[in-house]
Amino acid sequence: MNVTTKPLDALLPVGALGKSASKAPEAVEGGFLDAMKQALTTTTKLQSESGRLSREVTFGNPTVGLEETMLAGVKSNIAFQATLQTRNRIVQAYTDVMNMQV
């Protein structure tokens, strides 16, 4: 079985933010919201693919390998952890802003 992977494929949409960092906020194409939507969509796709492969291995499908299934699970877990950490930092930033005295 030949499995090819691209490192940090799940975080690819977030990497596009650095390219437009020098532009003014109103001139940024897509922006933070679009990047977060893409990251969440990618995470969802990775999780559903991992679940599908797990079911196929459980049912004994000979075309799905255990290595492929484990790799999909790890990629899904990494994407979920990155999403969770992003959410935690956004909530912390919001809390910090709300606690600022005017």
PDB file of N, CA and C in Angstrom:
ATOM      1  N   MET A   1       0.850  -1.174   0.000  1.00  0.00           N
ATOM      2  CA  MET A   1       0.000   0.000   0.000  1.00  0.00           C
ATOM      3  C   MET A   1       0.895   1.236   0.000  1.00  0.00           C
ATOM      4  N   ASN A   2       0.569   2.199  -0.827  1.00  0.00           N
ATOM      5  CA  ASN A   2       1.338   3.427  -0.942  1.00  0.00           C
ATOM      6  C   ASN A   2       0.491   4.573  -0.394  1.00  0.00           C
ATOM      7  N   VAL A   3       0.902   5.131   0.731  1.00  0.00           N
ATOM      8  CA  VAL A   3       0.170   6.232   1.346  1.00  0.00           C
ATOM      9  C   VAL A   3       1.045   7.470   1.301  1.00  0.00           C
ATOM     10  N   THR A   4       0.557   8.521   0.659  1.00  0.00           N
ATOM     11  CA  THR A   4       1.304   9.775   0.618  1.00  0.00           C
ATOM     12  C   THR A   4       0.571  10.808   1.447  1.00  0.00           C
ATOM     13  N   THR A   5       1.308  11.521   2.245  1.00  0.00           N
ATOM     14  CA  THR A   5       0.715  12.560   3.083  1.00  0.00           C
ATOM     15  C   THR A   5       1.510  13.840   2.947  1.00  0.00           C
ATOM     16  N   LYS A   6       0.849  14.924   3.187  1.00  0.00           N
ATOM     17  CA  LYS A   6       1.507  16.219   3.211  1.00  0.00           C
ATOM     18  C   LYS A   6       1.521  16.682   4.659  1.00  0.00           C
ATOM     19  N   PRO A   7       2.673  17.047   5.197  1.00  0.00           N
ATOM     20  CA  PRO A   7       2.726  17.449   6.593  1.00  0.00           C
ATOM     21  C   PRO A   7       1.897  18.700   6.854  1.00  0.00           C
ATOM     22  N   LEU A   8       1.180  18.682   7.950  1.00  0.00           N
ATOM     23  CA  LEU A   8       0.354  19.802   8.400  1.00  0.00           C
ATOM     24  C   LEU A   8      -0.666  20.240   7.355  1.00  0.00           C
ATOM     25  N   ASP A   9      -1.214  19.286   6.645  1.00  0.00           N
ATOM     26  CA  ASP A   9      -2.218  19.580   5.623  1.00  0.00           C
ATOM     27  C   ASP A   9      -3.458  20.222   6.238  1.00  0.00           C
ATOM     28  N   ALA A  10      -3.772  19.855   7.468  1.00  0.00           N
ATOM     29  CA  ALA A  10      -4.972  20.386   8.119  1.00  0.00           C
ATOM     30  C   ALA A  10      -4.828  21.863   8.468  1.00  0.00           C
ATOM     31  N   LEU A  11      -3.613  22.322   8.633  1.00  0.00           N
ATOM     32  CA  LEU A  11      -3.402  23.706   9.026  1.00  0.00           C
ATOM     33  C   LEU A  11      -3.135  24.615   7.844  1.00  0.00           C
ATOM     34  N   LEU A  12      -3.219  24.082   6.649  1.00  0.00           N
ATOM     35  CA  LEU A  12      -2.899  24.842   5.455  1.00  0.00           C
ATOM     36  C   LEU A  12      -3.719  26.110   5.293  1.00  0.00           C
ATOM     37  N   PRO A  13      -5.046  26.110   5.530  1.00  0.00           N
ATOM     38  CA  PRO A  13      -5.808  27.353   5.373  1.00  0.00           C
ATOM     39  C   PRO A  13      -5.349  28.453   6.319  1.00  0.00           C
ATOM     40  N   VAL A  14      -4.893  28.076   7.509  1.00  0.00           N
ATOM     41  CA  VAL A  14      -4.440  29.073   8.471  1.00  0.00           C
ATOM     42  C   VAL A  14      -3.132  29.698   8.016  1.00  0.00           C
ATOM     43  N   GLY A  15      -2.291  28.960   7.300  1.00  0.00           N
ATOM     44  CA  GLY A  15      -1.015  29.474   6.816  1.00  0.00           C
ATOM     45  C   GLY A  15      -1.161  30.574   5.791  1.00  0.00           C
ATOM     46  N   ALA A  16      -2.287  30.655   5.139  1.00  0.00           N
ATOM     47  CA  ALA A  16      -2.500  31.678   4.118  1.00  0.00           C
ATOM     48  C   ALA A  16      -2.646  33.069   4.723  1.00  0.00           C
ATOM     49  N   LEU A  17      -2.857  33.153   6.036  1.00  0.00           N
ATOM     50  CA  LEU A  17      -3.018  34.454   6.683  1.00  0.00           C
ATOM     51  C   LEU A  17      -1.741  35.275   6.652  1.00  0.00           C
ATOM     52  N   GLY A  18      -0.592  34.630   6.733  1.00  0.00           N
ATOM     53  CA  GLY A  18       0.673  35.348   6.772  1.00  0.00           C
ATOM     54  C   GLY A  18       0.985  36.108   5.492  1.00  0.00           C
ATOM     55  N   LYS A  19       0.433  35.682   4.382  1.00  0.00           N
ATOM     56  CA  LYS A  19       0.704  36.327   3.103  1.00  0.00           C
ATOM     57  C   LYS A  19       0.072  37.704   3.005  1.00  0.00           C
ATOM     58  N   SER A  20      -1.052  37.910   3.659  1.00  0.00           N
ATOM     59  CA  SER A  20      -1.764  39.178   3.541  1.00  0.00           C
ATOM     60  C   SER A  20      -1.648  40.023   4.808  1.00  0.00           C
ATOM     61  N   ALA A  21      -0.646  39.750   5.629  1.00  0.00           N
ATOM     62  CA  ALA A  21      -0.519  40.463   6.889  1.00  0.00           C
ATOM     63  C   ALA A  21      -0.122  41.922   6.697  1.00  0.00           C
ATOM     64  N   SER A  22       0.517  42.262   5.591  1.00  0.00           N
ATOM     65  CA  SER A  22       0.971  43.631   5.385  1.00  0.00           C
ATOM     66  C   SER A  22      -0.122  44.545   4.846  1.00  0.00           C
ATOM     67  N   LYS A  23      -1.269  44.000   4.478  1.00  0.00           N
ATOM     68  CA  LYS A  23      -2.348  44.808   3.928  1.00  0.00           C
ATOM     69  C   LYS A  23      -3.159  45.455   5.044  1.00  0.00           C
ATOM     70  N   ALA A  24      -3.890  46.492   4.697  1.00  0.00           N
ATOM     71  CA  ALA A  24      -4.769  47.139   5.662  1.00  0.00           C
ATOM     72  C   ALA A  24      -5.920  46.189   6.008  1.00  0.00           C
ATOM     73  N   PRO A  25      -6.494  46.293   7.209  1.00  0.00           N
ATOM     74  CA  PRO A  25      -7.554  45.364   7.615  1.00  0.00           C
ATOM     75  C   PRO A  25      -8.737  45.317   6.655  1.00  0.00           C
ATOM     76  N   GLU A  26      -9.122  46.450   6.063  1.00  0.00           N
ATOM     77  CA  GLU A  26     -10.267  46.420   5.175  1.00  0.00           C
ATOM     78  C   GLU A  26      -9.926  45.850   3.795  1.00  0.00           C
ATOM     79  N   ALA A  27      -8.637  45.698   3.491  1.00  0.00           N
ATOM     80  CA  ALA A  27      -8.230  45.210   2.175  1.00  0.00           C
ATOM     81  C   ALA A  27      -7.894  43.719   2.183  1.00  0.00           C
ATOM     82  N   VAL A  28      -7.979  43.064   3.327  1.00  0.00           N
ATOM     83  CA  VAL A  28      -7.621  41.658   3.428  1.00  0.00           C
ATOM     84  C   VAL A  28      -8.686  40.805   2.752  1.00  0.00           C
ATOM     85  N   GLU A  29      -8.262  39.956   1.817  1.00  0.00           N
ATOM     86  CA  GLU A  29      -9.198  39.052   1.165  1.00  0.00           C
ATOM     87  C   GLU A  29      -9.510  37.913   2.116  1.00  0.00           C
ATOM     88  N   GLY A  30     -10.767  37.659   2.330  1.00  0.00           N
ATOM     89  CA  GLY A  30     -11.168  36.539   3.172  1.00  0.00           C
ATOM     90  C   GLY A  30     -11.175  36.905   4.636  1.00  0.00           C
ATOM     91  N   GLY A  31     -10.045  37.192   5.174  1.00  0.00           N
ATOM     92  CA  GLY A  31      -9.937  37.577   6.566  1.00  0.00           C
ATOM     93  C   GLY A  31      -9.927  36.385   7.512  1.00  0.00           C
ATOM     94  N   PHE A  32      -9.988  36.710   8.783  1.00  0.00           N
ATOM     95  CA  PHE A  32      -9.887  35.708   9.836  1.00  0.00           C
ATOM     96  C   PHE A  32     -11.081  34.771   9.840  1.00  0.00           C
ATOM     97  N   LEU A  33     -12.261  35.319   9.623  1.00  0.00           N
ATOM     98  CA  LEU A  33     -13.472  34.502   9.652  1.00  0.00           C
ATOM     99  C   LEU A  33     -13.429  33.415   8.579  1.00  0.00           C
ATOM    100  N   ASP A  34     -13.028  33.780   7.374  1.00  0.00           N
ATOM    101  CA  ASP A  34     -12.940  32.790   6.297  1.00  0.00           C
ATOM    102  C   ASP A  34     -11.865  31.746   6.589  1.00  0.00           C
ATOM    103  N   ALA A  35     -10.760  32.171   7.161  1.00  0.00           N
ATOM    104  CA  ALA A  35      -9.694  31.225   7.508  1.00  0.00           C
ATOM    105  C   ALA A  35     -10.174  30.242   8.568  1.00  0.00           C
ATOM    106  N   MET A  36     -10.931  30.732   9.547  1.00  0.00           N
ATOM    107  CA  MET A  36     -11.464  29.841  10.586  1.00  0.00           C
ATOM    108  C   MET A  36     -12.490  28.879   9.999  1.00  0.00           C
ATOM    109  N   LYS A  37     -13.327  29.375   9.098  1.00  0.00           N
ATOM    110  CA  LYS A  37     -14.314  28.494   8.464  1.00  0.00           C
ATOM    111  C   LYS A  37     -13.619  27.392   7.674  1.00  0.00           C
ATOM    112  N   GLN A  38     -12.565  27.744   6.958  1.00  0.00           N
ATOM    113  CA  GLN A  38     -11.817  26.744   6.190  1.00  0.00           C
ATOM    114  C   GLN A  38     -11.162  25.729   7.115  1.00  0.00           C
ATOM    115  N   ALA A  39     -10.591  26.205   8.211  1.00  0.00           N
ATOM    116  CA  ALA A  39      -9.938  25.305   9.158  1.00  0.00           C
ATOM    117  C   ALA A  39     -10.957  24.356   9.784  1.00  0.00           C
ATOM    118  N   LEU A  40     -12.131  24.872  10.137  1.00  0.00           N
ATOM    119  CA  LEU A  40     -13.174  24.019  10.721  1.00  0.00           C
ATOM    120  C   LEU A  40     -13.695  23.020   9.697  1.00  0.00           C
ATOM    121  N   THR A  41     -13.830  23.442   8.455  1.00  0.00           N
ATOM    122  CA  THR A  41     -14.273  22.535   7.404  1.00  0.00           C
ATOM    123  C   THR A  41     -13.251  21.424   7.188  1.00  0.00           C
ATOM    124  N   THR A  42     -11.984  21.790   7.177  1.00  0.00           N
ATOM    125  CA  THR A  42     -10.923  20.801   7.003  1.00  0.00           C
ATOM    126  C   THR A  42     -10.916  19.815   8.162  1.00  0.00           C
ATOM    127  N   THR A  43     -11.076  20.312   9.382  1.00  0.00           N
ATOM    128  CA  THR A  43     -11.114  19.446  10.559  1.00  0.00           C
ATOM    129  C   THR A  43     -12.296  18.489  10.480  1.00  0.00           C
ATOM    130  N   THR A  44     -13.449  18.989  10.070  1.00  0.00           N
ATOM    131  CA  THR A  44     -14.633  18.152   9.945  1.00  0.00           C
ATOM    132  C   THR A  44     -14.423  17.062   8.904  1.00  0.00           C
ATOM    133  N   LYS A  45     -13.831  17.420   7.774  1.00  0.00           N
ATOM    134  CA  LYS A  45     -13.573  16.436   6.717  1.00  0.00           C
ATOM    135  C   LYS A  45     -12.599  15.359   7.201  1.00  0.00           C
ATOM    136  N   LEU A  46     -11.556  15.777   7.911  1.00  0.00           N
ATOM    137  CA  LEU A  46     -10.590  14.802   8.420  1.00  0.00           C
ATOM    138  C   LEU A  46     -11.234  13.867   9.426  1.00  0.00           C
ATOM    139  N   GLN A  47     -12.104  14.391  10.284  1.00  0.00           N
ATOM    140  CA  GLN A  47     -12.769  13.551  11.278  1.00  0.00           C
ATOM    141  C   GLN A  47     -13.739  12.573  10.624  1.00  0.00           C
ATOM    142  N   SER A  48     -14.472  13.035   9.620  1.00  0.00           N
ATOM    143  CA  SER A  48     -15.411  12.126   8.958  1.00  0.00           C
ATOM    144  C   SER A  48     -14.664  11.051   8.163  1.00  0.00           C
ATOM    145  N   GLU A  49     -13.554  11.420   7.542  1.00  0.00           N
ATOM    146  CA  GLU A  49     -12.749  10.438   6.816  1.00  0.00           C
ATOM    147  C   GLU A  49     -12.166   9.405   7.776  1.00  0.00           C
ATOM    148  N   SER A  50     -11.710   9.854   8.933  1.00  0.00           N
ATOM    149  CA  SER A  50     -11.177   8.945   9.939  1.00  0.00           C
ATOM    150  C   SER A  50     -12.264   7.986  10.422  1.00  0.00           C
ATOM    151  N   GLY A  51     -13.450   8.504  10.670  1.00  0.00           N
ATOM    152  CA  GLY A  51     -14.559   7.653  11.098  1.00  0.00           C
ATOM    153  C   GLY A  51     -14.955   6.643  10.033  1.00  0.00           C
ATOM    154  N   ARG A  52     -14.976   7.081   8.778  1.00  0.00           N
ATOM    155  CA  ARG A  52     -15.323   6.184   7.675  1.00  0.00           C
ATOM    156  C   ARG A  52     -14.306   5.054   7.557  1.00  0.00           C
ATOM    157  N   LEU A  53     -13.017   5.415   7.626  1.00  0.00           N
ATOM    158  CA  LEU A  53     -11.979   4.388   7.523  1.00  0.00           C
ATOM    159  C   LEU A  53     -12.028   3.425   8.702  1.00  0.00           C
ATOM    160  N   SER A  54     -12.326   3.949   9.897  1.00  0.00           N
ATOM    161  CA  SER A  54     -12.438   3.080  11.074  1.00  0.00           C
ATOM    162  C   SER A  54     -13.573   2.073  10.905  1.00  0.00           C
ATOM    163  N   ARG A  55     -14.706   2.549  10.380  1.00  0.00           N
ATOM    164  CA  ARG A  55     -15.833   1.635  10.139  1.00  0.00           C
ATOM    165  C   ARG A  55     -15.463   0.577   9.104  1.00  0.00           C
ATOM    166  N   GLU A  56     -14.766   0.990   8.057  1.00  0.00           N
ATOM    167  CA  GLU A  56     -14.380   0.041   7.012  1.00  0.00           C
ATOM    168  C   GLU A  56     -13.451  -1.038   7.560  1.00  0.00           C
ATOM    169  N   VAL A  57     -12.500  -0.637   8.401  1.00  0.00           N
ATOM    170  CA  VAL A  57     -11.590  -1.618   9.002  1.00  0.00           C
ATOM    171  C   VAL A  57     -12.367  -2.537   9.943  1.00  0.00           C
ATOM    172  N   THR A  58     -13.297  -1.967  10.703  1.00  0.00           N
ATOM    173  CA  THR A  58     -14.099  -2.765  11.633  1.00  0.00           C
ATOM    174  C   THR A  58     -14.933  -3.805  10.889  1.00  0.00           C
ATOM    175  N   PHE A  59     -15.484  -3.426   9.739  1.00  0.00           N
ATOM    176  CA  PHE A  59     -16.303  -4.354   8.963  1.00  0.00           C
ATOM    177  C   PHE A  59     -15.462  -5.326   8.145  1.00  0.00           C
ATOM    178  N   GLY A  60     -14.154  -5.149   8.142  1.00  0.00           N
ATOM    179  CA  GLY A  60     -13.267  -6.087   7.472  1.00  0.00           C
ATOM    180  C   GLY A  60     -13.099  -5.842   5.987  1.00  0.00           C
ATOM    181  N   ASN A  61     -13.198  -4.611   5.562  1.00  0.00           N
ATOM    182  CA  ASN A  61     -13.001  -4.271   4.148  1.00  0.00           C
ATOM    183  C   ASN A  61     -11.525  -4.489   3.795  1.00  0.00           C
ATOM    184  N   PRO A  62     -11.234  -5.375   2.850  1.00  0.00           N
ATOM    185  CA  PRO A  62      -9.827  -5.672   2.528  1.00  0.00           C
ATOM    186  C   PRO A  62      -9.118  -4.558   1.763  1.00  0.00           C
ATOM    187  N   THR A  63      -9.853  -3.590   1.236  1.00  0.00           N
ATOM    188  CA  THR A  63      -9.206  -2.514   0.478  1.00  0.00           C
ATOM    189  C   THR A  63      -8.710  -1.386   1.369  1.00  0.00           C
ATOM    190  N   VAL A  64      -9.089  -1.397   2.638  1.00  0.00           N
ATOM    191  CA  VAL A  64      -8.680  -0.339   3.573  1.00  0.00           C
ATOM    192  C   VAL A  64      -7.659  -0.926   4.532  1.00  0.00           C
ATOM    193  N   GLY A  65      -6.498  -0.294   4.588  1.00  0.00           N
ATOM    194  CA  GLY A  65      -5.433  -0.782   5.445  1.00  0.00           C
ATOM    195  C   GLY A  65      -5.466  -0.155   6.825  1.00  0.00           C
ATOM    196  N   LEU A  66      -4.942  -0.879   7.783  1.00  0.00           N
ATOM    197  CA  LEU A  66      -4.882  -0.381   9.153  1.00  0.00           C
ATOM    198  C   LEU A  66      -3.963   0.835   9.253  1.00  0.00           C
ATOM    199  N   GLU A  67      -2.872   0.836   8.478  1.00  0.00           N
ATOM    200  CA  GLU A  67      -1.940   1.964   8.503  1.00  0.00           C
ATOM    201  C   GLU A  67      -2.628   3.241   8.041  1.00  0.00           C
ATOM    202  N   GLU A  68      -3.398   3.129   6.963  1.00  0.00           N
ATOM    203  CA  GLU A  68      -4.123   4.276   6.433  1.00  0.00           C
ATOM    204  C   GLU A  68      -5.138   4.800   7.451  1.00  0.00           C
ATOM    205  N   THR A  69      -5.801   3.878   8.132  1.00  0.00           N
ATOM    206  CA  THR A  69      -6.789   4.246   9.130  1.00  0.00           C
ATOM    207  C   THR A  69      -6.138   4.941  10.321  1.00  0.00           C
ATOM    208  N   MET A  70      -5.031   4.399  10.787  1.00  0.00           N
ATOM    209  CA  MET A  70      -4.329   5.007  11.922  1.00  0.00           C
ATOM    210  C   MET A  70      -3.793   6.391  11.558  1.00  0.00           C
ATOM    211  N   LEU A  71      -3.277   6.544  10.352  1.00  0.00           N
ATOM    212  CA  LEU A  71      -2.763   7.830   9.895  1.00  0.00           C
ATOM    213  C   LEU A  71      -3.883   8.865   9.816  1.00  0.00           C
ATOM    214  N   ALA A  72      -5.032   8.449   9.310  1.00  0.00           N
ATOM    215  CA  ALA A  72      -6.189   9.353   9.243  1.00  0.00           C
ATOM    216  C   ALA A  72      -6.633   9.756  10.651  1.00  0.00           C
ATOM    217  N   GLY A  73      -6.578   8.841  11.594  1.00  0.00           N
ATOM    218  CA  GLY A  73      -6.941   9.150  12.978  1.00  0.00           C
ATOM    219  C   GLY A  73      -5.990  10.155  13.607  1.00  0.00           C
ATOM    220  N   VAL A  74      -4.713   9.993  13.349  1.00  0.00           N
ATOM    221  CA  VAL A  74      -3.715  10.915  13.896  1.00  0.00           C
ATOM    222  C   VAL A  74      -3.879  12.310  13.285  1.00  0.00           C
ATOM    223  N   LYS A  75      -4.083  12.372  11.966  1.00  0.00           N
ATOM    224  CA  LYS A  75      -4.288  13.658  11.308  1.00  0.00           C
ATOM    225  C   LYS A  75      -5.545  14.341  11.850  1.00  0.00           C
ATOM    226  N   SER A  76      -6.584  13.555  12.062  1.00  0.00           N
ATOM    227  CA  SER A  76      -7.830  14.089  12.606  1.00  0.00           C
ATOM    228  C   SER A  76      -7.611  14.632  14.018  1.00  0.00           C
ATOM    229  N   ASN A  77      -6.860  13.904  14.815  1.00  0.00           N
ATOM    230  CA  ASN A  77      -6.588  14.335  16.187  1.00  0.00           C
ATOM    231  C   ASN A  77      -5.765  15.617  16.213  1.00  0.00           C
ATOM    232  N   ILE A  78      -4.777  15.727  15.355  1.00  0.00           N
ATOM    233  CA  ILE A  78      -3.947  16.931  15.301  1.00  0.00           C
ATOM    234  C   ILE A  78      -4.780  18.133  14.881  1.00  0.00           C
ATOM    235  N   ALA A  79      -5.616  17.948  13.886  1.00  0.00           N
ATOM    236  CA  ALA A  79      -6.485  19.047  13.430  1.00  0.00           C
ATOM    237  C   ALA A  79      -7.451  19.464  14.531  1.00  0.00           C
ATOM    238  N   PHE A  80      -8.005  18.494  15.252  1.00  0.00           N
ATOM    239  CA  PHE A  80      -8.930  18.815  16.334  1.00  0.00           C
ATOM    240  C   PHE A  80      -8.221  19.558  17.458  1.00  0.00           C
ATOM    241  N   GLN A  81      -7.029  19.116  17.825  1.00  0.00           N
ATOM    242  CA  GLN A  81      -6.274  19.784  18.882  1.00  0.00           C
ATOM    243  C   GLN A  81      -5.910  21.214  18.487  1.00  0.00           C
ATOM    244  N   ALA A  82      -5.539  21.425  17.228  1.00  0.00           N
ATOM    245  CA  ALA A  82      -5.236  22.778  16.757  1.00  0.00           C
ATOM    246  C   ALA A  82      -6.474  23.657  16.815  1.00  0.00           C
ATOM    247  N   THR A  83      -7.616  23.111  16.419  1.00  0.00           N
ATOM    248  CA  THR A  83      -8.872  23.859  16.487  1.00  0.00           C
ATOM    249  C   THR A  83      -9.229  24.187  17.923  1.00  0.00           C
ATOM    250  N   LEU A  84      -9.057  23.232  18.814  1.00  0.00           N
ATOM    251  CA  LEU A  84      -9.368  23.437  20.223  1.00  0.00           C
ATOM    252  C   LEU A  84      -8.474  24.516  20.834  1.00  0.00           C
ATOM    253  N   GLN A  85      -7.181  24.482  20.512  1.00  0.00           N
ATOM    254  CA  GLN A  85      -6.263  25.494  21.048  1.00  0.00           C
ATOM    255  C   GLN A  85      -6.581  26.878  20.490  1.00  0.00           C
ATOM    256  N   THR A  86      -6.968  26.939  19.226  1.00  0.00           N
ATOM    257  CA  THR A  86      -7.359  28.219  18.641  1.00  0.00           C
ATOM    258  C   THR A  86      -8.584  28.768  19.347  1.00  0.00           C
ATOM    259  N   ARG A  87      -9.558  27.914  19.570  1.00  0.00           N
ATOM    260  CA  ARG A  87     -10.761  28.339  20.286  1.00  0.00           C
ATOM    261  C   ARG A  87     -10.428  28.842  21.691  1.00  0.00           C
ATOM    262  N   ASN A  88      -9.563  28.125  22.387  1.00  0.00           N
ATOM    263  CA  ASN A  88      -9.187  28.530  23.743  1.00  0.00           C
ATOM    264  C   ASN A  88      -8.501  29.897  23.748  1.00  0.00           C
ATOM    265  N   ARG A  89      -7.651  30.129  22.776  1.00  0.00           N
ATOM    266  CA  ARG A  89      -6.961  31.425  22.720  1.00  0.00           C
ATOM    267  C   ARG A  89      -7.903  32.558  22.346  1.00  0.00           C
ATOM    268  N   ILE A  90      -8.864  32.283  21.474  1.00  0.00           N
ATOM    269  CA  ILE A  90      -9.852  33.310  21.117  1.00  0.00           C
ATOM    270  C   ILE A  90     -10.698  33.662  22.331  1.00  0.00           C
ATOM    271  N   VAL A  91     -11.127  32.655  23.079  1.00  0.00           N
ATOM    272  CA  VAL A  91     -11.921  32.907  24.285  1.00  0.00           C
ATOM    273  C   VAL A  91     -11.104  33.677  25.309  1.00  0.00           C
ATOM    274  N   GLN A  92      -9.836  33.333  25.468  1.00  0.00           N
ATOM    275  CA  GLN A  92      -8.979  34.041  26.409  1.00  0.00           C
ATOM    276  C   GLN A  92      -8.780  35.494  25.986  1.00  0.00           C
ATOM    277  N   ALA A  93      -8.584  35.727  24.686  1.00  0.00           N
ATOM    278  CA  ALA A  93      -8.440  37.104  24.197  1.00  0.00           C
ATOM    279  C   ALA A  93      -9.724  37.893  24.422  1.00  0.00           C
ATOM    280  N   TYR A  94     -10.864  37.280  24.176  1.00  0.00           N
ATOM    281  CA  TYR A  94     -12.141  37.944  24.409  1.00  0.00           C
ATOM    282  C   TYR A  94     -12.308  38.294  25.882  1.00  0.00           C
ATOM    283  N   THR A  95     -11.962  37.362  26.761  1.00  0.00           N
ATOM    284  CA  THR A  95     -12.052  37.606  28.199  1.00  0.00           C
ATOM    285  C   THR A  95     -11.126  38.746  28.612  1.00  0.00           C
ATOM    286  N   ASP A  96      -9.910  38.755  28.075  1.00  0.00           N
ATOM    287  CA  ASP A  96      -8.966  39.825  28.396  1.00  0.00           C
ATOM    288  C   ASP A  96      -9.487  41.187  27.955  1.00  0.00           C
ATOM    289  N   VAL A  97     -10.064  41.252  26.752  1.00  0.00           N
ATOM    290  CA  VAL A  97     -10.608  42.516  26.250  1.00  0.00           C
ATOM    291  C   VAL A  97     -11.786  42.954  27.109  1.00  0.00           C
ATOM    292  N   MET A  98     -12.637  42.027  27.481  1.00  0.00           N
ATOM    293  CA  MET A  98     -13.810  42.385  28.284  1.00  0.00           C
ATOM    294  C   MET A  98     -13.436  42.832  29.681  1.00  0.00           C
ATOM    295  N   ASN A  99     -12.306  42.366  30.197  1.00  0.00           N
ATOM    296  CA  ASN A  99     -11.867  42.752  31.540  1.00  0.00           C
ATOM    297  C   ASN A  99     -11.048  44.034  31.553  1.00  0.00           C
ATOM    298  N   MET A 100     -10.748  44.607  30.389  1.00  0.00           N
ATOM    299  CA  MET A 100     -10.005  45.857  30.328  1.00  0.00           C
ATOM    300  C   MET A 100     -10.856  46.984  30.868  1.00  0.00           C
ATOM    301  N   GLN A 101     -10.202  47.856  31.591  1.00  0.00           N
ATOM    302  CA  GLN A 101     -10.920  49.034  32.081  1.00  0.00           C
ATOM    303  C   GLN A 101     -10.804  50.144  31.060  1.00  0.00           C
ATOM    304  N   VAL A 102     -11.921  50.816  30.866  1.00  0.00           N
ATOM    305  CA  VAL A 102     -11.969  51.870  29.847  1.00  0.00           C
ATOM    306  C   VAL A 102     -11.601  53.199  30.453  1.00  0.00           C
TER     307      VAL A 102
END
